[in-house]
Amino acid sequence: MRIDKFLKVSRILKRRTVAREAADAGKIAVNGKEVKPAYRLKTGDVVEITFSSGTLRFRVLELRETVKKDEAQNLYEVLS
């Protein structure tokens, strides 16, 4: 699954275009390497997103095309 779609489906970012813009601006890294919006995620990947207020690191636990709102948090595990 593409990183921009995963960020939208998991509801980490609200829209896919926002995810695409963040990746194009170099604010998304997977396993320590900066990625583009089309990067293919795999389960177990560690993603780091840089926001103006700080950084979010999480591990991908599951890849699904669609999920319900209350199940979205089961797709990833936040790391400290």
Protein backbone atom coordinates (compact mmCIF):
# COMPACT_ATOMS: atom_id res chain seq x y z
CA MET A 1 0.00 0.00 0.00
CA ARG A 2 1.23 3.50 -0.80
CA ILE A 3 2.31 5.59 2.18
CA ASP A 4 -0.03 8.46 1.29
CA LYS A 5 -3.03 6.12 1.20
CA PHE A 6 -2.04 4.41 4.47
CA LEU A 7 -1.81 7.74 6.28
CA LYS A 8 -5.32 8.61 5.15
CA VAL A 9 -6.87 5.17 5.85
CA SER A 10 -5.28 5.03 9.31
CA ARG A 11 -6.51 8.59 9.94
CA ILE A 12 -3.07 9.82 10.98
CA LEU A 13 -3.50 12.57 8.39
CA LYS A 14 -6.93 13.79 7.36
CA ARG A 15 -6.57 13.77 3.57
CA ARG A 16 -4.40 11.95 1.05
CA THR A 17 -3.37 15.24 -0.55
CA VAL A 18 -2.02 16.41 2.82
CA ALA A 19 -0.02 13.17 3.08
CA ARG A 20 1.29 13.66 -0.47
CA GLU A 21 2.36 17.24 0.28
CA ALA A 22 4.13 16.16 3.48
CA ALA A 23 6.05 13.46 1.62
CA ASP A 24 7.00 15.84 -1.18
CA ALA A 25 8.28 18.30 1.45
CA GLY A 26 10.54 15.60 2.95
CA LYS A 27 8.62 15.30 6.23
CA ILE A 28 8.01 11.54 6.05
CA ALA A 29 10.69 8.91 6.59
CA VAL A 30 10.35 5.11 6.60
CA ASN A 31 13.00 3.08 8.42
CA GLY A 32 15.17 6.20 8.62
CA LYS A 33 14.99 7.04 4.90
CA GLU A 34 13.03 9.94 3.38
CA VAL A 35 10.29 8.68 1.04
CA LYS A 36 7.99 9.92 -1.71
CA PRO A 37 4.16 9.55 -1.66
CA ALA A 38 4.25 6.41 -3.85
CA TYR A 39 6.51 4.48 -1.44
CA ARG A 40 5.13 0.97 -0.83
CA LEU A 41 4.71 0.28 2.89
CA LYS A 42 5.11 -3.18 4.39
CA THR A 43 4.00 -4.44 7.79
CA GLY A 44 6.74 -3.83 10.35
CA ASP A 45 7.98 -0.60 8.74
CA VAL A 46 8.75 2.23 11.16
CA VAL A 47 7.40 5.56 9.91
CA GLU A 48 8.43 8.99 11.21
CA ILE A 49 6.41 12.10 10.38
CA THR A 50 7.71 15.56 11.27
CA PHE A 51 5.09 18.13 12.26
CA SER A 52 5.71 21.73 13.30
CA SER A 53 4.80 20.71 16.87
CA GLY A 54 7.03 17.61 16.98
CA THR A 55 7.54 14.16 15.54
CA LEU A 56 5.31 11.07 15.40
CA ARG A 57 6.95 7.64 15.15
CA PHE A 58 4.90 4.52 14.63
CA ARG A 59 5.21 0.91 13.44
CA VAL A 60 2.85 -0.42 10.77
CA LEU A 61 0.99 -3.45 12.16
CA GLU A 62 -1.51 -4.12 9.39
CA LEU A 63 -2.30 -2.90 5.88
CA ARG A 64 -5.99 -2.69 4.90
CA GLU A 65 -7.71 -0.79 2.08
CA THR A 66 -10.58 0.43 4.26
CA VAL A 67 -11.31 0.46 7.98
CA LYS A 68 -13.97 1.86 10.25
CA LYS A 69 -13.10 4.92 12.28
CA ASP A 70 -12.82 3.04 15.58
CA GLU A 71 -10.57 0.35 14.03
CA ALA A 72 -8.09 2.77 12.42
CA GLN A 73 -5.78 2.85 15.46
CA ASN A 74 -5.28 -0.94 15.17
CA LEU A 75 -3.28 -0.45 11.96
CA TYR A 76 -0.28 1.05 13.76
CA GLU A 77 1.55 1.20 17.09
CA VAL A 78 2.92 4.53 18.31
CA LEU A 79 6.58 4.37 19.39
CA SER A 80 8.21 6.69 21.89
